Protein backbone atom coordinates (compact mmCIF):
# COMPACT_ATOMS: atom_id res chain seq x y z
CA UNK A 1 67.27 -18.31 -14.32
CA UNK A 2 66.52 -18.99 -10.65
CA UNK A 3 64.99 -15.79 -10.39
CA UNK A 4 62.69 -16.93 -13.39
CA UNK A 5 61.49 -20.02 -11.55
CA UNK A 6 60.97 -18.36 -8.47
CA UNK A 7 58.61 -15.81 -10.12
CA UNK A 8 56.88 -18.41 -11.99
CA UNK A 9 56.41 -20.72 -8.88
CA UNK A 10 54.67 -17.64 -6.91
CA UNK A 11 52.68 -16.73 -10.12
CA UNK A 12 51.25 -20.65 -9.74
CA UNK A 13 50.86 -20.38 -6.12
CA UNK A 14 48.85 -17.19 -6.58
CA UNK A 15 46.78 -19.18 -9.33
CA UNK A 16 46.18 -21.51 -6.99
CA UNK A 17 44.77 -19.22 -3.92
CA UNK A 18 42.82 -17.72 -6.38
CA UNK A 19 40.94 -20.63 -7.84
CA UNK A 20 41.08 -22.30 -4.22
CA UNK A 21 38.82 -18.90 -3.51
CA UNK A 22 36.78 -18.76 -6.31
CA UNK A 23 35.81 -22.54 -5.23
CA UNK A 24 35.23 -21.77 -1.79
CA UNK A 25 33.08 -19.16 -2.70
CA UNK A 26 30.97 -21.17 -5.44
CA UNK A 27 30.60 -23.75 -3.10
CA UNK A 28 29.10 -21.28 -0.54
CA UNK A 29 27.58 -19.70 -2.81
CA UNK A 30 25.59 -22.99 -3.61
CA UNK A 31 25.20 -23.83 0.39
CA UNK A 32 23.44 -20.14 0.74
CA UNK A 33 21.29 -21.05 -2.15
CA UNK A 34 20.42 -24.30 -1.54
CA UNK A 35 19.98 -23.06 2.19
CA UNK A 36 17.45 -20.15 0.73
CA UNK A 37 15.76 -23.06 -1.29
CA UNK A 38 15.04 -25.20 1.78
CA UNK A 39 14.01 -22.41 3.97
CA UNK A 40 10.88 -21.65 1.43
CA UNK A 41 10.03 -25.45 0.49
CA UNK A 42 9.25 -25.73 4.09
CA UNK A 43 6.67 -22.77 4.24
CA UNK A 44 4.85 -24.27 1.12
CA UNK A 45 2.22 -25.99 0.76
CA UNK A 46 0.27 -23.39 2.76
CA UNK A 47 -3.23 -23.18 3.17
CA UNK A 48 -5.27 -19.74 4.11
CA UNK A 49 -8.55 -18.40 4.40
CA UNK A 50 -9.36 -15.73 2.00
CA UNK A 51 -11.99 -13.09 2.04
CA UNK A 52 -14.54 -14.90 0.51
CA UNK A 53 -13.80 -17.82 3.22
CA UNK A 54 -12.63 -20.19 0.88
CA UNK A 55 -9.51 -22.22 1.99
CA UNK A 56 -6.82 -21.55 -0.71
CA UNK A 57 -3.94 -24.01 -1.18
CA UNK A 58 -0.76 -22.33 -2.49
CA UNK A 59 1.26 -25.38 -3.13
CA UNK A 60 4.61 -23.44 -3.95
CA UNK A 61 6.35 -19.76 -3.64
CA UNK A 62 4.73 -17.90 -6.65
CA UNK A 63 7.07 -16.86 -9.35
CA UNK A 64 4.39 -15.30 -11.49
CA UNK A 65 1.71 -13.11 -9.90
CA UNK A 66 -0.99 -10.77 -11.27
CA UNK A 67 -2.50 -8.29 -8.92
CA UNK A 68 -5.84 -6.63 -9.74
CA UNK A 69 -5.92 -4.13 -7.39
CA UNK A 70 -3.32 -1.00 -6.91
CA UNK A 71 -2.99 -1.80 -3.24
CA UNK A 72 -2.27 -5.43 -3.71
CA UNK A 73 0.27 -4.32 -5.81
CA UNK A 74 1.99 -1.82 -3.43
CA UNK A 75 2.05 -4.46 -0.80
CA UNK A 76 3.83 -7.32 -3.19
CA UNK A 77 6.46 -4.64 -4.03
CA UNK A 78 7.16 -3.57 -0.90
CA UNK A 79 7.71 -7.60 0.04
CA UNK A 80 10.57 -7.44 -2.67
CA UNK A 81 8.94 -9.31 -5.55
CA UNK A 82 8.33 -6.60 -7.77
CA UNK A 83 10.07 -9.01 -10.42
CA UNK A 84 7.60 -11.68 -9.77
CA UNK A 85 4.25 -9.52 -11.05
CA UNK A 86 3.55 -9.85 -14.44
CA UNK A 87 0.34 -8.48 -14.45
CA UNK A 88 -1.36 -5.35 -13.18
CA UNK A 89 -4.55 -2.91 -13.85
CA UNK A 90 -4.86 0.24 -15.68
CA UNK A 91 -5.63 2.15 -12.08
CA UNK A 92 -1.85 0.93 -10.92
CA UNK A 93 0.63 3.83 -10.61
CA UNK A 94 2.91 2.98 -8.37
CA UNK A 95 5.58 2.28 -7.85
CA UNK A 96 7.40 4.03 -10.89
CA UNK A 97 8.34 0.55 -12.38
CA UNK A 98 4.40 -0.75 -12.49
CA UNK A 99 4.11 1.30 -15.42
CA UNK A 100 6.15 -1.13 -17.48
CA UNK A 101 3.97 -4.24 -16.36
CA UNK A 102 1.48 -5.92 -18.59
CA UNK A 103 -1.93 -4.43 -18.28
CA UNK A 104 -5.27 -6.71 -17.57
CA UNK A 105 -7.91 -3.97 -17.13
CA UNK A 106 -9.44 -2.13 -14.78
CA UNK A 107 -11.88 -2.81 -12.38
CA UNK A 108 -13.28 -4.89 -15.31
CA UNK A 109 -10.28 -7.25 -15.96
CA UNK A 110 -9.84 -9.05 -18.94
CA UNK A 111 -9.76 -12.85 -18.41
CA UNK A 112 -7.84 -14.21 -21.65
CA UNK A 113 -4.96 -11.42 -21.22
CA UNK A 114 -4.80 -12.96 -17.59
CA UNK A 115 -4.68 -16.59 -18.45
CA UNK A 116 -2.16 -15.72 -21.53
CA UNK A 117 0.24 -14.24 -18.66
CA UNK A 118 0.33 -17.81 -17.19
CA UNK A 119 0.19 -16.46 -13.49
CA UNK A 120 0.35 -19.14 -11.13
CA UNK A 121 -1.19 -16.68 -8.40
CA UNK A 122 -3.85 -13.86 -9.01
CA UNK A 123 -4.80 -11.46 -6.09
CA UNK A 124 -7.95 -10.65 -6.20
CA UNK A 125 -9.90 -8.23 -3.61
CA UNK A 126 -13.36 -8.24 -1.71
CA UNK A 127 -14.19 -4.89 -2.64
CA UNK A 128 -14.68 -5.76 -6.71
CA UNK A 129 -15.06 -9.54 -5.74
CA UNK A 130 -18.92 -10.10 -5.88
CA UNK A 131 -19.18 -8.27 -9.48
CA UNK A 132 -15.74 -9.75 -10.94
CA UNK A 133 -17.37 -13.39 -9.65
CA UNK A 134 -17.61 -14.99 -13.09
CA UNK A 135 -14.02 -13.85 -14.47
CA UNK A 136 -12.93 -15.44 -10.99
CA UNK A 137 -14.59 -18.71 -11.63
CA UNK A 138 -13.15 -18.54 -15.03
CA UNK A 139 -9.82 -18.13 -13.74
CA UNK A 140 -9.81 -21.11 -11.08
CA UNK A 141 -11.46 -23.16 -14.00
CA UNK A 142 -7.96 -22.54 -16.01
CA UNK A 143 -6.19 -23.82 -12.99
CA UNK A 144 -4.71 -20.77 -12.10
CA UNK A 145 -4.69 -19.75 -8.07
CA UNK A 146 -7.02 -16.67 -7.39
CA UNK A 147 -6.63 -15.72 -3.32
CA UNK A 148 -9.58 -12.93 -2.68
CA UNK A 149 -7.81 -10.39 -0.20
CA UNK A 150 -9.81 -8.31 2.20
CA UNK A 151 -11.14 -5.38 2.27
CA UNK A 152 -9.24 -3.66 5.09
CA UNK A 153 -10.99 -0.52 6.87
CA UNK A 154 -8.40 0.38 9.15
CA UNK A 155 -4.75 0.05 10.08
CA UNK A 156 -5.14 -3.14 12.03
CA UNK A 157 -6.60 -4.92 9.34
CA UNK A 158 -3.74 -3.30 6.66
CA UNK A 159 -1.60 -4.94 8.89
CA UNK A 160 -3.22 -8.29 8.44
CA UNK A 161 -3.51 -8.07 5.28
CA UNK A 162 0.40 -7.35 4.51
CA UNK A 163 0.82 -10.45 6.87
CA UNK A 164 -1.63 -12.78 4.96
CA UNK A 165 -0.23 -11.52 1.50
CA UNK A 166 3.67 -12.43 3.18
CA UNK A 167 2.27 -15.49 4.60
CA UNK A 168 1.22 -16.63 0.44
CA UNK A 169 4.23 -15.45 -1.18
CA UNK A 170 6.87 -16.82 1.35
CA UNK A 171 7.99 -13.55 2.49
CA UNK A 172 6.59 -13.74 6.02
CA UNK A 173 9.42 -12.56 7.64
CA UNK A 174 9.43 -9.46 5.64
CA UNK A 175 6.01 -8.84 5.89
CA UNK A 176 6.44 -8.88 9.83
CA UNK A 177 9.33 -6.20 9.42
CA UNK A 178 6.81 -4.11 7.36
CA UNK A 179 4.18 -3.81 9.77
CA UNK A 180 6.43 -3.58 12.83
CA UNK A 181 8.13 -0.33 11.16
CA UNK A 182 4.27 1.30 10.28
CA UNK A 183 3.41 0.68 14.31
CA UNK A 184 6.50 1.87 14.93
CA UNK A 185 6.07 5.15 13.34
CA UNK A 186 2.16 5.65 13.80
CA UNK A 187 3.27 5.33 17.50
CA UNK A 188 5.98 7.82 16.78
CA UNK A 189 2.97 10.17 15.41
CA UNK A 190 0.58 9.68 18.26
CA UNK A 191 3.36 10.68 20.64
CA UNK A 192 4.06 14.16 18.95
CA UNK A 193 0.58 14.39 18.72
CA UNK A 194 0.26 14.21 22.59
CA UNK A 195 1.76 17.98 22.63
CA UNK A 196 -1.18 19.39 20.97
CA UNK A 197 -3.44 21.25 23.62
CA UNK A 198 -7.33 21.22 23.45
CA UNK A 199 -7.38 25.18 22.55
CA UNK A 200 -5.13 23.83 19.47
CA UNK A 201 -7.16 20.53 18.19
CA UNK A 202 -8.13 21.31 14.85
CA UNK A 203 -11.71 20.51 13.90
CA UNK A 204 -11.41 19.06 9.96
CA UNK A 205 -13.31 18.36 7.18
CA UNK A 206 -12.28 15.98 4.40
CA UNK A 207 -13.67 16.77 1.31
CA UNK A 208 -13.66 13.61 -0.93
CA UNK A 209 -15.22 15.22 -3.94
CA UNK A 210 -16.61 18.83 -4.92
CA UNK A 211 -20.11 20.28 -5.21
CA UNK A 212 -22.64 19.21 -6.58
CA UNK A 213 -21.72 15.64 -5.58
CA UNK A 214 -20.35 16.65 -1.77
CA UNK A 215 -18.97 13.76 -0.17
CA UNK A 216 -16.49 13.34 3.04
CA UNK A 217 -15.44 10.77 5.38
CA UNK A 218 -17.02 9.55 8.67
CA UNK A 219 -16.29 6.56 11.26
CA UNK A 220 -15.08 3.48 9.69
CA UNK A 221 -12.57 5.17 7.23
CA UNK A 222 -8.76 5.58 7.34
CA UNK A 223 -9.48 9.12 6.82
CA UNK A 224 -10.95 9.07 10.15
CA UNK A 225 -8.39 7.22 12.34
CA UNK A 226 -5.84 9.22 10.85
CA UNK A 227 -7.26 12.16 12.31
CA UNK A 228 -7.58 10.57 15.73
CA UNK A 229 -3.96 9.27 15.30
CA UNK A 230 -2.61 13.08 15.00
CA UNK A 231 -5.24 14.43 17.90
CA UNK A 232 -7.85 15.98 15.57
CA UNK A 233 -11.23 16.06 15.19
CA UNK A 234 -13.50 14.48 12.37
CA UNK A 235 -16.18 17.32 11.93
CA UNK A 236 -18.12 14.71 10.27
CA UNK A 237 -17.21 11.88 12.62
CA UNK A 238 -20.63 11.13 13.54
CA UNK A 239 -21.51 9.96 10.08
CA UNK A 240 -20.26 6.43 8.85
CA UNK A 241 -18.03 5.67 5.89
CA UNK A 242 -18.36 8.04 2.97
CA UNK A 243 -21.58 10.56 3.46
CA UNK A 244 -22.97 12.75 1.06
CA UNK A 245 -23.10 16.03 2.59
CA UNK A 246 -24.73 19.81 1.78
CA UNK A 247 -22.74 22.99 1.38
CA UNK A 248 -24.70 24.39 4.12
CA UNK A 249 -24.23 21.44 6.39
CA UNK A 250 -20.25 22.26 5.90
CA UNK A 251 -21.01 25.81 6.25
CA UNK A 252 -23.13 24.66 9.90
CA UNK A 253 -20.17 22.56 10.98
CA UNK A 254 -17.47 25.61 10.66
CA UNK A 255 -14.44 23.37 10.36
CA UNK A 256 -10.63 25.07 11.30
CA UNK A 257 -9.20 23.17 8.42
CA UNK A 258 -10.23 21.50 4.79
CA UNK A 259 -8.66 18.96 3.71
CA UNK A 260 -8.83 18.01 -0.20
CA UNK A 261 -7.83 14.41 -1.40
CA UNK A 262 -8.97 15.18 -4.88
CA UNK A 263 -6.41 17.63 -5.90
CA UNK A 264 -4.39 15.67 -8.51
CA UNK A 265 -7.93 15.32 -10.87
CA UNK A 266 -8.96 18.81 -10.49
CA UNK A 267 -6.92 22.04 -11.69
CA UNK A 268 -6.61 24.79 -8.53
CA UNK A 269 -8.84 22.58 -6.20
CA UNK A 270 -7.78 24.62 -3.18
CA UNK A 271 -8.62 28.25 -5.04
CA UNK A 272 -12.01 27.05 -5.79
CA UNK A 273 -12.91 25.83 -1.92
CA UNK A 274 -11.11 29.19 -0.94
CA UNK A 275 -13.84 31.11 -3.68
CA UNK A 276 -16.82 29.31 -2.73
CA UNK A 277 -19.72 31.64 -2.15
CA UNK A 278 -21.34 31.36 1.24
CA UNK A 279 -18.29 29.88 2.78
CA UNK A 280 -16.83 32.95 3.65
CA UNK A 281 -17.91 32.92 7.38
CA UNK A 282 -16.15 29.40 7.49
CA UNK A 283 -13.20 29.57 9.74
CA UNK A 284 -10.55 27.89 7.58
CA UNK A 285 -11.87 29.62 4.61
CA UNK A 286 -11.35 33.15 6.66
CA UNK A 287 -7.44 32.04 7.73
CA UNK A 288 -7.01 30.25 4.35
CA UNK A 289 -6.30 26.42 5.92
CA UNK A 290 -7.20 24.83 3.14
CA UNK A 291 -4.96 22.14 1.80
CA UNK A 292 -4.50 19.02 -0.30
CA UNK A 293 -3.00 15.33 0.20
CA UNK A 294 -2.36 12.58 -2.08
CA UNK A 295 -5.60 10.52 -2.42
CA UNK A 296 -3.72 7.56 -2.70
CA UNK A 297 -1.66 8.16 0.15
CA UNK A 298 -4.49 8.45 2.58
CA UNK A 299 -7.11 6.04 1.22
CA UNK A 300 -5.41 3.20 -0.40
CA UNK A 301 -4.78 -0.02 2.06
CA UNK A 302 -1.00 -0.69 1.93
CA UNK A 303 2.23 0.15 3.15
CA UNK A 304 2.47 4.09 2.38
CA UNK A 305 -1.01 4.74 4.72
CA UNK A 306 1.94 5.88 7.17
CA UNK A 307 3.08 8.12 4.90
CA UNK A 308 -0.40 9.52 4.26
CA UNK A 309 -0.86 9.88 8.16
CA UNK A 310 2.42 11.78 8.12
CA UNK A 311 0.87 14.11 5.09
CA UNK A 312 -1.86 14.73 6.87
CA UNK A 313 -0.50 16.06 10.06
CA UNK A 314 1.96 18.42 8.59
CA UNK A 315 -1.09 19.99 6.82
CA UNK A 316 -3.42 20.39 9.99
CA UNK A 317 -0.64 20.61 12.69
CA UNK A 318 2.59 22.18 10.82
CA UNK A 319 4.31 23.75 13.72
CA UNK A 320 4.05 20.43 15.42
CA UNK A 321 4.58 17.84 12.81
CA UNK A 322 7.20 20.07 10.62
């Protein structure tokens, strides 16, 4: 009987300890949640000027976000807010789980669909804002906060975009961390590129679309900046933006390497370039230095741009960057 009493007493003590620990953990959890909520509340309301020059006020941390362009979507996911996204466009394809989100159209979004999703923040984009002015005004009239994100054309502007979206979503610290990681990786690639001698430096022609509508990339584009980062010469670097160019002009430029960005949409794109009539004496063709890169990685102004630089670097200088 004494043994039983001692055992029973020990059991009671153990239960008491477990209950006490549970209560302590619950209290700590509540305190942590309360502190997190308090920290978040200090960030709002926040007023930020958007790409249209309008002062947009976000009263509290957004809980339901609609993104009207893939780059915005990728930034929001990287900020850890994927669960808050309730609507995206048909063009969104990254990350994988974005396929399960409600679709609100393409560049021509469905106003009624967006309103039905009851977002407290719509992230629009300057590249399409002019054509979507009426639709954006309808969203505002419905009481929805609309923020038009800048059309970034350089790495520095992308950094600013990420930090801006971080600020209006209450994830500034995460945004700063993402930007710092991107800058660190870019600097690492620049350091590696310093090992490339003038004799090894490649003249690169970037083919955005195939003939008869042959387009390339000039100054003021991500591809031009990427080529500079990896110490390569842009064959069309004396032109601005995305110029159309003739086949004869490309042959005259005689690039050492050709990069294709549309391989995801055209079957056997590399082989088609290698087999072009009249291009036989181009160095890139003779040496079979024609490569495909993922268009999204090298043109979408978001966190994956650094991956685009890496992919480009490995294609142009495999011995240096592999």
